[in-house]
Amino acid sequence: MTDGQLPETTSGRSRRPLLRLAVAAAVIAAGVIVAWQFGLFERLRVDQESLAALDAWFRGFGIWAPIVFIAVWIVATVFFLPGLPITIVGALIFGPIWGSVYSLIGSTLGATAAFLVGRYAAREMVENLIRRNATLARIDEGVRRHGWRMLMITRLVPLFPFNAQNYVYGLTRIPLVTYVLVSLVCMAPATVAYNFLAGAVRSGNFGRFFLYLAIAAVLLVVLSLIPGWIRRRYGTDELIAES
């Protein structure tokens, strides 16, 4: 502590998460009111024709529609295609709840497939990729020093390329079961948040829009607090800094 500065109390630190949540809620509420007043909901509403065509394509598979969606997720993850558009499409077609479930299953299975390819089928290629890419090399080093906690950080903090890191983890000593479980749990908050954001745009209903948006905001705030919790719980300041 320097001259002129007051010591930070424990109660002050404990109130920070609540303060952040309150500020986020106030900003969202103000934004929703302004958007409603200016008629922005109508302009943001998804084109019903396009959505109907996409929905019809998936529904054309009948009871297999969720399986097809999950398969698309797996292929996209293995072949380095962006996952966010798929997440949004899933939310628009299946709704935010089932969209979250199917996207989480698909992204976890895709990440597992890439992990197994990196470990057993393309080891040399992935090793060369790590040598050429400093970011991926940091993941490899982080796992050596911190184990599964490095996996948790890279899943929660979207600073590392998702598709590439799946292959890198295949070269590490992380057991397959640990990799699958940590990935599933840590990818869930962001997946649900994105699905509810997309669901809010589709809803066209003020009350439901605000509810979905609030759920997404709470999840994103919680995500922002997790790195600090990891630092306090495990004392891994350098791990947070690396991420």
C-alpha atoms as a PDB file:
ATOM      1  CA  MET A   1       0.000   0.000   0.000  1.00  0.00           C
ATOM      2  CA  THR A   2       1.309   3.465  -0.880  1.00  0.00           C
ATOM      3  CA  ASP A   3       0.640   6.801   0.800  1.00  0.00           C
ATOM      4  CA  GLY A   4      -2.812   8.167   0.140  1.00  0.00           C
ATOM      5  CA  GLN A   5      -4.279   4.748  -0.758  1.00  0.00           C
ATOM      6  CA  LEU A   6      -6.801   2.944   1.409  1.00  0.00           C
ATOM      7  CA  PRO A   7      -6.416  -0.802   1.970  1.00  0.00           C
ATOM      8  CA  GLU A   8      -8.830  -2.968   0.024  1.00  0.00           C
ATOM      9  CA  THR A   9     -11.109  -4.858   2.383  1.00  0.00           C
ATOM     10  CA  THR A  10     -12.343  -8.421   1.944  1.00  0.00           C
ATOM     11  CA  SER A  11     -15.945  -7.229   1.903  1.00  0.00           C
ATOM     12  CA  GLY A  12     -15.078  -4.774  -0.864  1.00  0.00           C
ATOM     13  CA  ARG A  13     -13.621  -7.573  -2.983  1.00  0.00           C
ATOM     14  CA  SER A  14     -16.601  -9.825  -2.311  1.00  0.00           C
ATOM     15  CA  ARG A  15     -18.993  -7.132  -3.563  1.00  0.00           C
ATOM     16  CA  ARG A  16     -17.214  -6.772  -6.904  1.00  0.00           C
ATOM     17  CA  PRO A  17     -18.995  -9.676  -8.687  1.00  0.00           C
ATOM     18  CA  LEU A  18     -22.396  -8.363  -7.547  1.00  0.00           C
ATOM     19  CA  LEU A  19     -21.472  -4.856  -8.680  1.00  0.00           C
ATOM     20  CA  ARG A  20     -20.413  -6.127 -12.110  1.00  0.00           C
ATOM     21  CA  LEU A  21     -23.627  -8.084 -12.434  1.00  0.00           C
ATOM     22  CA  ALA A  22     -25.710  -5.052 -11.417  1.00  0.00           C
ATOM     23  CA  VAL A  23     -23.899  -2.805 -13.910  1.00  0.00           C
ATOM     24  CA  ALA A  24     -24.341  -5.382 -16.695  1.00  0.00           C
ATOM     25  CA  ALA A  25     -28.047  -5.732 -15.902  1.00  0.00           C
ATOM     26  CA  ALA A  26     -28.518  -1.939 -15.886  1.00  0.00           C
ATOM     27  CA  VAL A  27     -26.747  -1.541 -19.233  1.00  0.00           C
ATOM     28  CA  ILE A  28     -28.812  -4.341 -20.797  1.00  0.00           C
ATOM     29  CA  ALA A  29     -32.062  -2.908 -19.441  1.00  0.00           C
ATOM     30  CA  ALA A  30     -31.230   0.548 -20.795  1.00  0.00           C
ATOM     31  CA  GLY A  31     -30.279  -0.914 -24.170  1.00  0.00           C
ATOM     32  CA  VAL A  32     -33.483  -2.937 -24.424  1.00  0.00           C
ATOM     33  CA  ILE A  33     -35.640   0.093 -23.586  1.00  0.00           C
ATOM     34  CA  VAL A  34     -33.877   2.255 -26.172  1.00  0.00           C
ATOM     35  CA  ALA A  35     -34.093  -0.492 -28.823  1.00  0.00           C
ATOM     36  CA  TRP A  36     -37.774  -1.000 -28.116  1.00  0.00           C
ATOM     37  CA  GLN A  37     -38.524   2.714 -28.362  1.00  0.00           C
ATOM     38  CA  PHE A  38     -36.748   3.061 -31.702  1.00  0.00           C
ATOM     39  CA  GLY A  39     -38.293  -0.088 -33.202  1.00  0.00           C
ATOM     40  CA  LEU A  40     -34.997  -1.923 -33.550  1.00  0.00           C
ATOM     41  CA  PHE A  41     -36.558  -5.268 -32.640  1.00  0.00           C
ATOM     42  CA  GLU A  42     -38.435  -5.274 -35.929  1.00  0.00           C
ATOM     43  CA  ARG A  43     -35.257  -4.589 -37.876  1.00  0.00           C
ATOM     44  CA  LEU A  44     -33.277  -7.252 -36.020  1.00  0.00           C
ATOM     45  CA  ARG A  45     -35.896  -9.941 -36.491  1.00  0.00           C
ATOM     46  CA  VAL A  46     -34.576 -12.887 -38.467  1.00  0.00           C
ATOM     47  CA  ASP A  47     -35.851 -13.168 -42.039  1.00  0.00           C
ATOM     48  CA  GLN A  48     -38.663 -15.677 -41.658  1.00  0.00           C
ATOM     49  CA  GLU A  49     -38.338 -16.980 -45.220  1.00  0.00           C
ATOM     50  CA  SER A  50     -34.670 -17.897 -44.841  1.00  0.00           C
ATOM     51  CA  LEU A  51     -35.274 -19.371 -41.416  1.00  0.00           C
ATOM     52  CA  ALA A  52     -38.224 -21.388 -42.703  1.00  0.00           C
ATOM     53  CA  ALA A  53     -36.116 -22.789 -45.571  1.00  0.00           C
ATOM     54  CA  LEU A  54     -33.289 -23.743 -43.224  1.00  0.00           C
ATOM     55  CA  ASP A  55     -35.703 -25.217 -40.744  1.00  0.00           C
ATOM     56  CA  ALA A  56     -37.388 -27.211 -43.509  1.00  0.00           C
ATOM     57  CA  TRP A  57     -34.016 -28.605 -44.637  1.00  0.00           C
ATOM     58  CA  PHE A  58     -33.191 -29.891 -41.178  1.00  0.00           C
ATOM     59  CA  ARG A  59     -36.729 -31.033 -40.455  1.00  0.00           C
ATOM     60  CA  GLY A  60     -36.611 -32.936 -43.728  1.00  0.00           C
ATOM     61  CA  PHE A  61     -34.405 -35.405 -41.915  1.00  0.00           C
ATOM     62  CA  GLY A  62     -37.242 -36.079 -39.501  1.00  0.00           C
ATOM     63  CA  ILE A  63     -36.129 -37.567 -36.208  1.00  0.00           C
ATOM     64  CA  TRP A  64     -32.575 -37.514 -37.554  1.00  0.00           C
ATOM     65  CA  ALA A  65     -32.434 -33.694 -37.715  1.00  0.00           C
ATOM     66  CA  PRO A  66     -30.539 -33.326 -34.405  1.00  0.00           C
ATOM     67  CA  ILE A  67     -28.142 -36.108 -35.471  1.00  0.00           C
ATOM     68  CA  VAL A  68     -27.449 -34.323 -38.758  1.00  0.00           C
ATOM     69  CA  PHE A  69     -26.850 -31.065 -36.890  1.00  0.00           C
ATOM     70  CA  ILE A  70     -24.430 -32.771 -34.493  1.00  0.00           C
ATOM     71  CA  ALA A  71     -22.650 -34.414 -37.445  1.00  0.00           C
ATOM     72  CA  VAL A  72     -22.220 -31.002 -39.082  1.00  0.00           C
ATOM     73  CA  TRP A  73     -20.654 -29.768 -35.834  1.00  0.00           C
ATOM     74  CA  ILE A  74     -18.200 -32.685 -35.762  1.00  0.00           C
ATOM     75  CA  VAL A  75     -17.123 -32.180 -39.375  1.00  0.00           C
ATOM     76  CA  ALA A  76     -16.733 -28.428 -38.855  1.00  0.00           C
ATOM     77  CA  THR A  77     -14.543 -28.907 -35.784  1.00  0.00           C
ATOM     78  CA  VAL A  78     -12.276 -31.481 -37.405  1.00  0.00           C
ATOM     79  CA  PHE A  79     -11.853 -29.417 -40.584  1.00  0.00           C
ATOM     80  CA  PHE A  80     -11.236 -26.042 -38.879  1.00  0.00           C
ATOM     81  CA  LEU A  81     -14.562 -24.461 -39.846  1.00  0.00           C
ATOM     82  CA  PRO A  82     -15.980 -21.730 -37.557  1.00  0.00           C
ATOM     83  CA  GLY A  83     -18.429 -22.984 -34.967  1.00  0.00           C
ATOM     84  CA  LEU A  84     -20.258 -19.795 -34.006  1.00  0.00           C
ATOM     85  CA  PRO A  85     -22.490 -19.701 -37.131  1.00  0.00           C
ATOM     86  CA  ILE A  86     -23.471 -23.316 -36.474  1.00  0.00           C
ATOM     87  CA  THR A  87     -24.328 -22.464 -32.877  1.00  0.00           C
ATOM     88  CA  ILE A  88     -26.542 -19.594 -34.005  1.00  0.00           C
ATOM     89  CA  VAL A  89     -28.304 -21.724 -36.622  1.00  0.00           C
ATOM     90  CA  GLY A  90     -28.955 -24.393 -33.993  1.00  0.00           C
ATOM     91  CA  ALA A  91     -30.521 -21.840 -31.658  1.00  0.00           C
ATOM     92  CA  LEU A  92     -32.734 -20.453 -34.417  1.00  0.00           C
ATOM     93  CA  ILE A  93     -33.959 -23.876 -35.524  1.00  0.00           C
ATOM     94  CA  PHE A  94     -34.158 -25.892 -32.313  1.00  0.00           C
ATOM     95  CA  GLY A  95     -34.577 -23.042 -29.835  1.00  0.00           C
ATOM     96  CA  PRO A  96     -32.052 -21.890 -27.215  1.00  0.00           C
ATOM     97  CA  ILE A  97     -32.434 -24.891 -24.892  1.00  0.00           C
ATOM     98  CA  TRP A  98     -32.216 -27.776 -27.352  1.00  0.00           C
ATOM     99  CA  GLY A  99     -29.872 -25.735 -29.524  1.00  0.00           C
ATOM    100  CA  SER A 100     -27.525 -25.518 -26.538  1.00  0.00           C
ATOM    101  CA  VAL A 101     -27.771 -29.267 -25.928  1.00  0.00           C
ATOM    102  CA  TYR A 102     -27.113 -30.233 -29.545  1.00  0.00           C
ATOM    103  CA  SER A 103     -24.316 -27.688 -30.013  1.00  0.00           C
ATOM    104  CA  LEU A 104     -22.602 -28.810 -26.826  1.00  0.00           C
ATOM    105  CA  ILE A 105     -22.815 -32.470 -27.842  1.00  0.00           C
ATOM    106  CA  GLY A 106     -21.577 -31.675 -31.353  1.00  0.00           C
ATOM    107  CA  SER A 107     -18.697 -29.429 -30.280  1.00  0.00           C
ATOM    108  CA  THR A 108     -17.577 -31.903 -27.602  1.00  0.00           C
ATOM    109  CA  LEU A 109     -17.664 -34.861 -30.007  1.00  0.00           C
ATOM    110  CA  GLY A 110     -15.873 -32.783 -32.645  1.00  0.00           C
ATOM    111  CA  ALA A 111     -13.205 -31.724 -30.152  1.00  0.00           C
ATOM    112  CA  THR A 112     -12.796 -35.355 -29.102  1.00  0.00           C
ATOM    113  CA  ALA A 113     -12.438 -36.504 -32.715  1.00  0.00           C
ATOM    114  CA  ALA A 114      -9.745 -33.876 -33.365  1.00  0.00           C
ATOM    115  CA  PHE A 115      -8.018 -34.861 -30.109  1.00  0.00           C
ATOM    116  CA  LEU A 116      -7.861 -38.507 -31.234  1.00  0.00           C
ATOM    117  CA  VAL A 117      -6.641 -37.555 -34.709  1.00  0.00           C
ATOM    118  CA  GLY A 118      -3.868 -35.458 -33.159  1.00  0.00           C
ATOM    119  CA  ARG A 119      -2.888 -38.232 -30.773  1.00  0.00           C
ATOM    120  CA  TYR A 120      -2.983 -41.237 -33.091  1.00  0.00           C
ATOM    121  CA  ALA A 121      -3.284 -40.284 -36.773  1.00  0.00           C
ATOM    122  CA  ALA A 122      -1.549 -36.955 -37.439  1.00  0.00           C
ATOM    123  CA  ARG A 123       0.968 -36.651 -34.639  1.00  0.00           C
ATOM    124  CA  GLU A 124       3.865 -35.468 -36.796  1.00  0.00           C
ATOM    125  CA  MET A 125       1.754 -32.843 -38.553  1.00  0.00           C
ATOM    126  CA  VAL A 126       0.519 -31.436 -35.231  1.00  0.00           C
ATOM    127  CA  GLU A 127       4.061 -31.389 -33.814  1.00  0.00           C
ATOM    128  CA  ASN A 128       5.181 -29.310 -36.795  1.00  0.00           C
ATOM    129  CA  LEU A 129       2.201 -27.000 -36.275  1.00  0.00           C
ATOM    130  CA  ILE A 130       3.184 -26.441 -32.645  1.00  0.00           C
ATOM    131  CA  ARG A 131       6.790 -25.660 -33.581  1.00  0.00           C
ATOM    132  CA  ARG A 132       5.643 -22.991 -36.046  1.00  0.00           C
ATOM    133  CA  ASN A 133       2.954 -21.407 -33.863  1.00  0.00           C
ATOM    134  CA  ALA A 134       3.920 -19.689 -30.597  1.00  0.00           C
ATOM    135  CA  THR A 135       0.334 -19.622 -29.309  1.00  0.00           C
ATOM    136  CA  LEU A 136      -0.092 -23.372 -29.698  1.00  0.00           C
ATOM    137  CA  ALA A 137       3.335 -23.930 -28.163  1.00  0.00           C
ATOM    138  CA  ARG A 138       2.125 -22.040 -25.069  1.00  0.00           C
ATOM    139  CA  ILE A 139      -0.745 -24.493 -24.722  1.00  0.00           C
ATOM    140  CA  ASP A 140       1.670 -27.422 -24.881  1.00  0.00           C
ATOM    141  CA  GLU A 141       3.937 -25.847 -22.258  1.00  0.00           C
ATOM    142  CA  GLY A 142       0.973 -24.842 -20.100  1.00  0.00           C
ATOM    143  CA  VAL A 143      -0.269 -28.434 -19.938  1.00  0.00           C
ATOM    144  CA  ARG A 144       3.175 -29.637 -18.872  1.00  0.00           C
ATOM    145  CA  ARG A 145       3.181 -27.154 -16.001  1.00  0.00           C
ATOM    146  CA  HIS A 146      -0.481 -27.028 -14.991  1.00  0.00           C
ATOM    147  CA  GLY A 147      -2.187 -30.133 -16.385  1.00  0.00           C
ATOM    148  CA  TRP A 148      -5.961 -30.038 -16.839  1.00  0.00           C
ATOM    149  CA  ARG A 149      -6.162 -26.471 -15.491  1.00  0.00           C
ATOM    150  CA  MET A 150      -4.612 -25.226 -18.737  1.00  0.00           C
ATOM    151  CA  LEU A 151      -7.377 -27.013 -20.635  1.00  0.00           C
ATOM    152  CA  MET A 152      -9.969 -25.375 -18.399  1.00  0.00           C
ATOM    153  CA  ILE A 153      -8.533 -21.900 -19.047  1.00  0.00           C
ATOM    154  CA  THR A 154      -8.341 -22.305 -22.829  1.00  0.00           C
ATOM    155  CA  ARG A 155     -11.936 -23.520 -22.933  1.00  0.00           C
ATOM    156  CA  LEU A 156     -13.267 -20.698 -20.768  1.00  0.00           C
ATOM    157  CA  VAL A 157     -11.170 -17.824 -22.157  1.00  0.00           C
ATOM    158  CA  PRO A 158     -11.585 -17.602 -25.975  1.00  0.00           C
ATOM    159  CA  LEU A 159      -8.058 -16.396 -26.726  1.00  0.00           C
ATOM    160  CA  PHE A 160      -6.767 -19.596 -28.295  1.00  0.00           C
ATOM    161  CA  PRO A 161      -8.021 -21.013 -31.629  1.00  0.00           C
ATOM    162  CA  PHE A 162     -10.591 -23.652 -30.658  1.00  0.00           C
ATOM    163  CA  ASN A 163     -10.141 -26.009 -33.607  1.00  0.00           C
ATOM    164  CA  ALA A 164      -6.334 -26.003 -33.488  1.00  0.00           C
ATOM    165  CA  GLN A 165      -6.079 -26.486 -29.726  1.00  0.00           C
ATOM    166  CA  ASN A 166      -8.077 -29.716 -29.969  1.00  0.00           C
ATOM    167  CA  TYR A 167      -5.289 -31.277 -32.026  1.00  0.00           C
ATOM    168  CA  VAL A 168      -2.582 -29.899 -29.729  1.00  0.00           C
ATOM    169  CA  TYR A 169      -4.168 -31.474 -26.667  1.00  0.00           C
ATOM    170  CA  GLY A 170      -3.927 -34.826 -28.433  1.00  0.00           C
ATOM    171  CA  LEU A 171      -0.141 -34.647 -28.037  1.00  0.00           C
ATOM    172  CA  THR A 172      -0.262 -33.913 -24.313  1.00  0.00           C
ATOM    173  CA  ARG A 173      -0.516 -36.339 -21.404  1.00  0.00           C
ATOM    174  CA  ILE A 174      -4.090 -35.357 -20.582  1.00  0.00           C
ATOM    175  CA  PRO A 175      -6.212 -38.541 -20.390  1.00  0.00           C
ATOM    176  CA  LEU A 176      -9.053 -38.785 -22.897  1.00  0.00           C
ATOM    177  CA  VAL A 177     -11.766 -38.982 -20.222  1.00  0.00           C
ATOM    178  CA  THR A 178     -10.412 -35.881 -18.441  1.00  0.00           C
ATOM    179  CA  TYR A 179     -10.222 -34.031 -21.749  1.00  0.00           C
ATOM    180  CA  VAL A 180     -13.824 -34.858 -22.657  1.00  0.00           C
ATOM    181  CA  LEU A 181     -15.296 -34.018 -19.239  1.00  0.00           C
ATOM    182  CA  VAL A 182     -13.380 -30.741 -18.763  1.00  0.00           C
ATOM    183  CA  SER A 183     -14.193 -29.663 -22.323  1.00  0.00           C
ATOM    184  CA  LEU A 184     -17.883 -30.487 -21.894  1.00  0.00           C
ATOM    185  CA  VAL A 185     -18.235 -28.605 -18.609  1.00  0.00           C
ATOM    186  CA  CYS A 186     -16.137 -25.585 -19.563  1.00  0.00           C
ATOM    187  CA  MET A 187     -17.652 -25.071 -23.017  1.00  0.00           C
ATOM    188  CA  ALA A 188     -21.199 -25.194 -21.657  1.00  0.00           C
ATOM    189  CA  PRO A 189     -21.518 -21.600 -20.320  1.00  0.00           C
ATOM    190  CA  ALA A 190     -20.449 -19.897 -23.557  1.00  0.00           C
ATOM    191  CA  THR A 191     -22.508 -22.310 -25.671  1.00  0.00           C
ATOM    192  CA  VAL A 192     -25.653 -21.607 -23.655  1.00  0.00           C
ATOM    193  CA  ALA A 193     -24.953 -17.851 -23.674  1.00  0.00           C
ATOM    194  CA  TYR A 194     -24.620 -17.708 -27.481  1.00  0.00           C
ATOM    195  CA  ASN A 195     -27.745 -19.814 -27.938  1.00  0.00           C
ATOM    196  CA  PHE A 196     -29.815 -17.547 -25.730  1.00  0.00           C
ATOM    197  CA  LEU A 197     -28.455 -14.458 -27.500  1.00  0.00           C
ATOM    198  CA  ALA A 198     -29.558 -15.932 -30.827  1.00  0.00           C
ATOM    199  CA  GLY A 199     -32.861 -16.984 -29.293  1.00  0.00           C
ATOM    200  CA  ALA A 200     -33.423 -13.430 -28.099  1.00  0.00           C
ATOM    201  CA  VAL A 201     -33.109 -12.101 -31.647  1.00  0.00           C
ATOM    202  CA  ARG A 202     -35.572 -14.672 -32.962  1.00  0.00           C
ATOM    203  CA  SER A 203     -38.156 -14.347 -30.188  1.00  0.00           C
ATOM    204  CA  GLY A 204     -39.819 -11.116 -31.394  1.00  0.00           C
ATOM    205  CA  ASN A 205     -41.342 -10.829 -27.930  1.00  0.00           C
ATOM    206  CA  PHE A 206     -40.190  -8.118 -25.533  1.00  0.00           C
ATOM    207  CA  GLY A 207     -40.495 -10.214 -22.384  1.00  0.00           C
ATOM    208  CA  ARG A 208     -38.821 -13.274 -23.848  1.00  0.00           C
ATOM    209  CA  PHE A 209     -36.157 -11.157 -25.535  1.00  0.00           C
ATOM    210  CA  PHE A 210     -35.241  -9.557 -22.223  1.00  0.00           C
ATOM    211  CA  LEU A 211     -35.268 -12.928 -20.415  1.00  0.00           C
ATOM    212  CA  TYR A 212     -32.987 -14.598 -22.967  1.00  0.00           C
ATOM    213  CA  LEU A 213     -30.682 -11.597 -23.059  1.00  0.00           C
ATOM    214  CA  ALA A 214     -30.486 -11.516 -19.258  1.00  0.00           C
ATOM    215  CA  ILE A 215     -29.609 -15.228 -19.106  1.00  0.00           C
ATOM    216  CA  ALA A 216     -26.858 -14.722 -21.685  1.00  0.00           C
ATOM    217  CA  ALA A 217     -25.512 -11.673 -19.825  1.00  0.00           C
ATOM    218  CA  VAL A 218     -25.364 -13.504 -16.483  1.00  0.00           C
ATOM    219  CA  LEU A 219     -23.472 -16.395 -18.076  1.00  0.00           C
ATOM    220  CA  LEU A 220     -20.985 -14.056 -19.753  1.00  0.00           C
ATOM    221  CA  VAL A 221     -20.399 -12.177 -16.480  1.00  0.00           C
ATOM    222  CA  VAL A 222     -19.819 -15.483 -14.684  1.00  0.00           C
ATOM    223  CA  LEU A 223     -17.343 -16.462 -17.407  1.00  0.00           C
ATOM    224  CA  SER A 224     -15.428 -13.218 -16.863  1.00  0.00           C
ATOM    225  CA  LEU A 225     -15.114 -13.996 -13.141  1.00  0.00           C
ATOM    226  CA  ILE A 226     -13.854 -17.568 -13.475  1.00  0.00           C
ATOM    227  CA  PRO A 227     -10.184 -16.743 -14.261  1.00  0.00           C
ATOM    228  CA  GLY A 228      -9.964 -14.755 -11.027  1.00  0.00           C
ATOM    229  CA  TRP A 229     -11.487 -17.650  -9.103  1.00  0.00           C
ATOM    230  CA  ILE A 230      -8.908 -20.018 -10.591  1.00  0.00           C
ATOM    231  CA  ARG A 231      -6.117 -17.665  -9.567  1.00  0.00           C
ATOM    232  CA  ARG A 232      -7.371 -17.517  -5.970  1.00  0.00           C
ATOM    233  CA  ARG A 233      -8.158 -21.228  -5.780  1.00  0.00           C
ATOM    234  CA  TYR A 234      -4.955 -22.587  -7.270  1.00  0.00           C
ATOM    235  CA  GLY A 235      -2.563 -19.652  -6.950  1.00  0.00           C
ATOM    236  CA  THR A 236      -1.734 -19.829 -10.648  1.00  0.00           C
ATOM    237  CA  ASP A 237      -1.126 -16.175 -11.479  1.00  0.00           C
ATOM    238  CA  GLU A 238       1.235 -17.110 -14.284  1.00  0.00           C
ATOM    239  CA  LEU A 239      -1.398 -19.368 -15.833  1.00  0.00           C
ATOM    240  CA  ILE A 240      -3.878 -16.501 -16.096  1.00  0.00           C
ATOM    241  CA  ALA A 241      -1.136 -14.254 -17.487  1.00  0.00           C
ATOM    242  CA  GLU A 242      -0.257 -16.851 -20.127  1.00  0.00           C
ATOM    243  CA  SER A 243      -3.865 -16.939 -21.283  1.00  0.00           C
END
